[in-house]
Protein backbone atom coordinates (compact mmCIF):
# COMPACT_ATOMS: atom_id res chain seq x y z
CA MET A 1 40.91 -30.39 -22.88
CA THR A 2 39.67 -27.03 -21.66
CA HIS A 3 40.12 -26.05 -18.08
CA ALA A 4 39.08 -23.33 -15.69
CA THR A 5 41.17 -20.19 -15.76
CA THR A 6 40.65 -19.74 -12.03
CA PRO A 7 41.69 -22.40 -9.50
CA VAL A 8 39.12 -24.10 -7.30
CA LEU A 9 39.48 -25.82 -3.93
CA VAL A 10 36.82 -27.94 -2.22
CA ILE A 11 37.13 -29.54 1.23
CA HIS A 12 35.13 -31.70 3.62
CA GLY A 13 35.43 -32.52 7.30
CA GLY A 14 33.17 -35.56 7.39
CA ALA A 15 29.51 -36.44 6.93
CA GLY A 16 26.99 -37.70 9.48
CA VAL A 17 26.69 -34.38 11.32
CA ILE A 18 23.91 -34.38 13.93
CA ARG A 19 22.50 -30.96 14.88
CA ARG A 20 21.92 -31.83 18.53
CA ASP A 21 25.59 -32.74 18.92
CA MET A 22 26.82 -29.33 17.79
CA ASN A 23 26.94 -26.64 20.46
CA PRO A 24 27.54 -23.04 19.29
CA ALA A 25 31.17 -22.98 20.43
CA LYS A 26 32.04 -26.17 18.55
CA GLU A 27 30.20 -25.04 15.44
CA LYS A 28 32.12 -21.76 15.48
CA ALA A 29 35.44 -23.59 15.89
CA VAL A 30 34.62 -26.00 13.06
CA ARG A 31 33.65 -23.20 10.70
CA ALA A 32 36.82 -21.27 11.58
CA ALA A 33 39.02 -24.30 10.92
CA MET A 34 37.30 -25.01 7.61
CA THR A 35 37.78 -21.36 6.61
CA LYS A 36 41.48 -21.47 7.48
CA ALA A 37 41.91 -24.71 5.53
CA LEU A 38 40.34 -23.09 2.49
CA GLN A 39 42.48 -19.97 2.83
CA ASP A 40 45.74 -21.87 3.30
CA GLY A 41 45.02 -24.23 0.43
CA TYR A 42 43.84 -21.53 -1.95
CA ALA A 43 46.92 -19.44 -1.22
CA GLN A 44 48.94 -22.23 -2.81
CA LEU A 45 46.76 -22.17 -5.93
CA LYS A 46 46.89 -18.37 -6.22
CA ALA A 47 50.67 -18.58 -6.03
CA GLY A 48 50.64 -20.86 -9.07
CA LYS A 49 51.42 -24.02 -7.11
CA PRO A 50 50.08 -27.42 -8.23
CA ALA A 51 46.78 -28.82 -7.01
CA ILE A 52 48.50 -31.34 -4.74
CA ASP A 53 50.03 -28.47 -2.73
CA ALA A 54 46.59 -27.03 -2.09
CA VAL A 55 45.19 -30.42 -1.10
CA THR A 56 47.92 -31.17 1.43
CA ALA A 57 47.93 -27.61 2.84
CA ALA A 58 44.18 -27.70 3.46
CA ILE A 59 44.13 -31.19 4.94
CA THR A 60 47.06 -30.43 7.25
CA VAL A 61 45.00 -27.67 8.87
CA LEU A 62 42.17 -30.10 9.54
CA GLU A 63 44.53 -32.82 10.79
CA ASP A 64 45.92 -30.37 13.34
CA ASP A 65 42.45 -29.46 14.67
CA PRO A 66 41.00 -31.81 17.34
CA ASN A 67 37.45 -31.18 16.12
CA PHE A 68 37.99 -33.50 13.14
CA ASN A 69 38.57 -37.25 13.08
CA ALA A 70 41.99 -37.10 11.45
CA GLY A 71 45.43 -36.46 12.88
CA ARG A 72 45.11 -34.70 16.26
CA GLY A 73 41.40 -35.51 16.66
CA SER A 74 41.52 -39.17 15.62
CA VAL A 75 39.19 -41.62 17.33
CA PHE A 76 40.33 -44.60 19.40
CA THR A 77 40.39 -48.23 18.39
CA HIS A 78 38.91 -50.99 20.56
CA ASP A 79 42.37 -51.38 22.13
CA GLY A 80 42.64 -47.70 23.04
CA LYS A 81 45.02 -46.68 20.26
CA ASN A 82 44.85 -44.18 17.43
CA GLU A 83 45.40 -45.69 13.99
CA MET A 84 45.33 -43.27 11.06
CA ASP A 85 44.99 -43.67 7.30
CA ALA A 86 45.51 -41.20 4.45
CA ALA A 87 45.92 -41.02 0.69
CA VAL A 88 46.67 -38.54 -2.09
CA MET A 89 46.38 -38.77 -5.87
CA GLU A 90 47.30 -36.56 -8.81
CA GLY A 91 45.03 -36.68 -11.84
CA GLU A 92 47.52 -35.76 -14.56
CA ARG A 93 49.77 -38.81 -14.25
CA LEU A 94 47.67 -40.95 -11.92
CA ARG A 95 50.39 -40.84 -9.28
CA ALA A 96 49.20 -41.88 -5.83
CA GLY A 97 50.43 -42.52 -2.30
CA ALA A 98 48.75 -43.92 0.79
CA VAL A 99 49.44 -44.96 4.38
CA ALA A 100 47.38 -47.04 6.80
CA GLY A 101 47.50 -47.90 10.49
CA VAL A 102 50.08 -45.29 11.49
CA GLN A 103 50.16 -44.29 15.16
CA ARG A 104 52.91 -41.67 15.50
CA VAL A 105 52.70 -39.60 12.31
CA LYS A 106 51.56 -36.06 13.12
CA ASN A 107 50.22 -35.42 9.61
CA PRO A 108 49.46 -38.65 7.77
CA ILE A 109 48.56 -36.74 4.60
CA LEU A 110 52.16 -35.52 4.30
CA LEU A 111 53.43 -39.07 4.66
CA ALA A 112 51.02 -40.26 1.97
CA ARG A 113 52.41 -37.60 -0.33
CA ALA A 114 55.97 -38.67 0.49
CA VAL A 115 55.07 -42.24 -0.43
CA MET A 116 53.85 -40.96 -3.80
CA GLU A 117 56.84 -38.74 -4.47
CA HIS A 118 59.76 -40.51 -2.82
CA SER A 119 59.06 -44.25 -2.90
CA PRO A 120 58.44 -46.83 -5.62
CA HIS A 121 55.27 -47.92 -3.84
CA VAL A 122 51.67 -46.72 -3.49
CA MET A 123 50.70 -47.89 0.00
CA LEU A 124 52.70 -48.41 3.19
CA ILE A 125 51.27 -49.60 6.51
CA GLY A 126 52.04 -49.59 10.21
CA ASP A 127 55.62 -49.81 11.43
CA GLY A 128 57.02 -49.83 7.90
CA ALA A 129 55.22 -46.62 7.05
CA GLU A 130 56.59 -44.99 10.19
CA ALA A 131 60.12 -46.16 9.41
CA PHE A 132 59.76 -44.54 5.99
CA ALA A 133 58.41 -41.40 7.66
CA LYS A 134 61.53 -41.19 9.82
CA GLU A 135 63.75 -41.55 6.74
CA GLN A 136 61.84 -38.78 5.00
CA GLY A 137 61.93 -36.35 7.91
CA ILE A 138 58.17 -36.50 8.43
CA THR A 139 57.25 -35.34 11.94
CA LEU A 140 56.64 -38.19 14.41
CA VAL A 141 55.04 -37.57 17.79
CA ASP A 142 54.36 -39.49 20.97
CA PRO A 143 51.02 -41.33 20.65
CA ALA A 144 49.75 -39.24 23.59
CA TYR A 145 49.58 -36.30 21.17
CA PHE A 146 46.46 -37.81 19.63
CA ARG A 147 44.58 -38.38 22.88
CA THR A 148 41.63 -36.05 23.38
CA GLU A 149 39.09 -36.45 26.15
CA GLU A 150 36.13 -36.27 23.79
CA ARG A 151 37.42 -39.17 21.68
CA TRP A 152 38.37 -41.17 24.77
CA GLN A 153 34.87 -40.84 26.19
CA GLN A 154 33.40 -41.89 22.86
CA LEU A 155 35.41 -45.08 23.11
CA GLN A 156 34.35 -45.71 26.72
CA LYS A 157 30.71 -45.40 25.70
CA ALA A 158 31.23 -47.81 22.82
CA LEU A 159 33.04 -50.30 25.06
CA ASN A 160 30.23 -50.19 27.61
CA GLU A 161 27.72 -50.87 24.87
CA ASP A 162 29.90 -53.72 23.64
CA SER A 163 30.06 -55.30 27.10
CA GLU A 164 26.30 -55.04 27.56
CA LYS A 165 25.74 -56.29 24.01
CA LYS A 166 23.70 -53.19 23.24
CA PRO A 167 23.48 -51.61 19.79
CA HIS A 168 25.64 -48.52 19.51
CA ASP A 169 23.80 -45.27 20.09
CA ASP A 170 23.75 -43.30 16.82
CA PRO A 171 26.15 -45.88 15.30
CA ASP A 172 26.30 -44.19 11.92
CA ALA A 173 27.19 -40.74 13.22
CA GLY A 174 29.56 -41.98 15.88
CA ARG A 175 31.46 -44.64 14.03
CA HIS A 176 31.53 -44.33 10.28
CA PHE A 177 31.87 -40.73 9.18
CA GLY A 178 35.01 -39.17 10.61
CA THR A 179 37.14 -38.10 7.67
CA VAL A 180 38.68 -34.97 6.17
CA GLY A 181 39.47 -34.44 2.53
CA ALA A 182 40.18 -32.00 -0.28
CA VAL A 183 40.05 -31.80 -4.06
CA ALA A 184 41.66 -29.05 -6.09
CA LEU A 185 41.97 -27.71 -9.62
CA ASP A 186 45.07 -25.61 -10.32
CA SER A 187 45.72 -22.87 -12.87
CA THR A 188 47.13 -25.37 -15.38
CA GLY A 189 43.94 -27.43 -15.30
CA HIS A 190 45.35 -30.31 -13.27
CA LEU A 191 43.39 -32.01 -10.50
CA ALA A 192 44.35 -33.68 -7.22
CA ALA A 193 42.57 -35.34 -4.31
CA GLY A 194 43.43 -36.29 -0.75
CA THR A 195 41.72 -37.87 2.26
CA SER A 196 42.78 -38.45 5.88
CA THR A 197 41.03 -40.21 8.77
CA GLY A 198 41.30 -41.71 12.20
CA GLY A 199 38.87 -44.42 11.15
CA MET A 200 36.02 -45.80 13.24
CA THR A 201 35.58 -45.57 16.99
CA ASP A 202 36.05 -49.03 18.55
CA LYS A 203 37.45 -50.55 15.33
CA ARG A 204 39.33 -53.84 15.74
CA TRP A 205 41.88 -56.14 14.11
CA GLY A 206 43.74 -53.43 12.20
CA ARG A 207 40.67 -52.42 10.23
CA VAL A 208 41.36 -50.08 7.30
CA GLY A 209 38.58 -48.14 5.63
CA ASP A 210 38.21 -46.53 2.24
CA SER A 211 40.22 -43.34 2.80
CA ALA A 212 43.62 -44.91 2.14
CA ILE A 213 42.43 -47.15 -0.67
CA ILE A 214 42.99 -45.56 -4.06
CA GLY A 215 39.73 -45.66 -5.99
CA ALA A 216 37.53 -46.22 -2.95
CA GLY A 217 37.70 -43.04 -0.88
CA THR A 218 40.29 -41.12 -2.88
CA TYR A 219 40.77 -40.81 -6.64
CA ALA A 220 41.75 -38.31 -9.34
CA ASN A 221 42.20 -38.47 -13.08
CA ALA A 222 42.47 -35.87 -15.84
CA LYS A 223 38.81 -34.88 -15.62
CA CYS A 224 37.67 -35.56 -12.05
CA ALA A 225 38.84 -35.65 -8.43
CA VAL A 226 36.93 -37.16 -5.49
CA SER A 227 37.31 -37.49 -1.73
CA GLY A 228 34.71 -39.53 0.12
CA THR A 229 33.41 -39.61 3.67
CA GLY A 230 31.10 -42.32 4.92
CA TRP A 231 30.77 -45.97 5.80
CA GLY A 232 34.07 -47.12 4.34
CA GLU A 233 33.20 -50.72 3.73
CA PHE A 234 30.58 -49.66 1.20
CA TYR A 235 32.90 -47.20 -0.51
CA ILE A 236 35.42 -50.01 -0.89
CA ARG A 237 32.86 -52.44 -2.28
CA THR A 238 31.60 -49.92 -4.85
CA VAL A 239 35.06 -48.44 -5.54
CA ALA A 240 33.08 -45.24 -5.15
CA ALA A 241 35.58 -42.50 -5.96
CA HIS A 242 36.83 -44.31 -9.06
CA GLU A 243 33.30 -45.00 -10.25
CA ILE A 244 32.35 -41.34 -10.01
CA CYS A 245 35.40 -40.29 -12.01
CA MET A 246 34.90 -43.00 -14.61
CA LYS A 247 31.36 -41.77 -15.19
CA VAL A 248 32.79 -38.30 -15.80
CA LEU A 249 35.71 -39.46 -17.95
CA MET A 250 34.21 -42.32 -19.95
CA LEU A 251 30.50 -41.51 -20.05
CA ASP A 252 30.90 -37.73 -20.12
CA GLU A 253 28.39 -37.37 -17.30
CA PRO A 254 28.22 -34.04 -15.44
CA VAL A 255 30.13 -34.41 -12.18
CA GLN A 256 27.05 -33.64 -10.09
CA ARG A 257 25.06 -36.40 -11.74
CA ALA A 258 27.91 -38.91 -11.49
CA ALA A 259 28.49 -38.20 -7.81
CA ALA A 260 24.78 -38.28 -6.95
CA GLU A 261 24.29 -41.62 -8.68
CA VAL A 262 27.00 -43.27 -6.58
CA ILE A 263 26.52 -41.49 -3.24
CA ASN A 264 22.75 -41.11 -3.18
CA GLN A 265 21.67 -44.21 -5.08
CA GLU A 266 24.23 -47.00 -5.30
CA ILE A 267 25.70 -46.88 -1.79
CA PRO A 268 22.34 -46.45 0.03
CA SER A 269 20.87 -49.31 -2.02
CA MET A 270 23.46 -51.58 -0.40
CA GLY A 271 22.81 -50.29 3.13
CA GLY A 272 25.60 -47.71 3.38
CA ASN A 273 25.56 -43.93 3.59
CA GLY A 274 27.81 -40.89 3.65
CA GLY A 275 28.92 -38.16 1.29
CA ALA A 276 31.67 -36.97 -1.01
CA ILE A 277 33.17 -33.93 -2.64
CA ALA A 278 33.98 -34.01 -6.35
CA LEU A 279 35.46 -31.53 -8.79
CA ASP A 280 35.82 -31.66 -12.56
CA ALA A 281 38.37 -30.08 -14.88
CA ASP A 282 35.99 -27.21 -15.70
CA GLY A 283 35.68 -26.25 -12.05
CA ASN A 284 32.22 -27.71 -11.46
CA ILE A 285 31.64 -28.85 -7.89
CA ALA A 286 29.56 -31.73 -6.49
CA MET A 287 28.88 -32.23 -2.77
CA PRO A 288 26.31 -35.03 -2.43
CA PHE A 289 25.50 -36.51 0.97
CA ASN A 290 22.62 -38.49 2.38
CA THR A 291 23.00 -37.67 6.08
CA ASP A 292 21.77 -34.74 8.18
CA GLY A 293 24.89 -32.79 7.34
CA MET A 294 28.44 -32.76 6.03
CA PHE A 295 31.20 -30.34 6.94
CA ARG A 296 32.05 -28.84 3.54
CA GLY A 297 33.64 -25.77 2.03
CA TRP A 298 34.70 -24.31 -1.29
CA ILE A 299 36.56 -21.34 -2.76
CA GLY A 300 36.87 -20.26 -6.37
CA ALA A 301 36.89 -17.16 -8.54
CA ASP A 302 35.46 -14.85 -5.88
CA GLY A 303 38.38 -15.73 -3.58
CA VAL A 304 35.96 -15.99 -0.66
CA PRO A 305 35.85 -19.11 1.55
CA HIS A 306 32.36 -20.62 1.77
CA VAL A 307 31.53 -23.11 4.54
CA ALA A 308 28.37 -25.15 5.12
CA ILE A 309 27.43 -27.87 7.59
CA TYR A 310 23.77 -28.79 7.55
CA ASP A 311 21.59 -30.13 4.77
CA ASP A 312 19.52 -26.93 4.59
CA GLU A 313 22.54 -24.74 3.81
CA PRO A 314 23.11 -24.01 0.11
CA ASP A 315 26.20 -25.20 -1.72
CA PRO A 316 27.22 -25.51 -5.40
CA SER A 317 25.47 -28.86 -5.67
CA ASN A 318 22.13 -27.47 -4.47
CA HIS A 319 21.67 -30.97 -2.98
CA LEU A 320 20.67 -32.36 -6.34
CA SER A 321 19.22 -35.81 -6.48
CA VAL A 322 20.02 -37.81 -9.60
CA PRO A 323 18.54 -35.76 -12.48
CA ALA A 324 16.03 -37.28 -14.83
CA THR A 325 18.37 -36.87 -17.78
CA PRO A 326 22.05 -36.03 -18.05
CA SER A 327 21.26 -32.82 -19.91
CA SER A 328 19.37 -31.47 -16.90
CA ALA A 329 22.35 -31.94 -14.61
CA ASN A 330 24.84 -29.41 -15.92
CA GLY A 331 26.75 -28.46 -12.82
CA SER A 332 26.95 -24.92 -11.55
CA SER A 333 30.48 -23.58 -11.69
CA GLY A 334 32.56 -23.62 -8.56
CA GLN A 335 34.30 -20.44 -9.69
């Protein structure tokens, strides 16, 4: 299998962006955080480190920034708690690790990686995951660390709507899309993917979305890596990330076509929406989304971080719809 001679890193900070909700100061902060995540992750790749190092380095930056629904900026559950999920996967050996429902783990993506590397399991949840985190020296914090006023007010609004039996205002943007993720290709041609989230505002009963479920919101194999962001229930039902990568691996579809078919056709046909980032072993990038925007960024051969938010900003996918024929969908290089 051929592979790119230059590493590539692609990240997202969630889909469902609404222009009217983004003031200039927040937009500047988001773009700065995305740029730092790209720089920190790509530094790992330039140093010859494996793709998984780039993925976790980039996602850690976004988890530490309160502007994203992961780690520090996680949304609140119906009961006023923060419950976080995360997963990582390496494409070369199909190794994977995931955690769900953790409340005291500062960086859930690092715990997911520890599950992959230092346990015989793939997924740990709740108190057990936090006990494992303590054994592994993963940083635990007081739950108050995750409380931000913006997220708290989002919950209060949702609770008021619940009590009045009103439909949630902008339910898609407010509830389903908060996720961060990364996919990377290293200098040896190996791929990795990771995703981290605080879930849905006002979620109940220990709900877990697609981010922590291998194959749904996170997946990597020898030829493809995917991290999704959207209405998790639909990504679970379609096993979206796995389906994209199977189209690339088994059907030899260009990654842009494979990702567009799942994100822009299959999921919307069922009533869901969202986006994803995908990367193949040749360094081709796909960034399909069917919302007004998606926080997204990429860095390749030019060594320059590129960040986009809205649907009218160019990216390596050029917002392709599903091409008429596979031959017309050859992806532009992410290098």
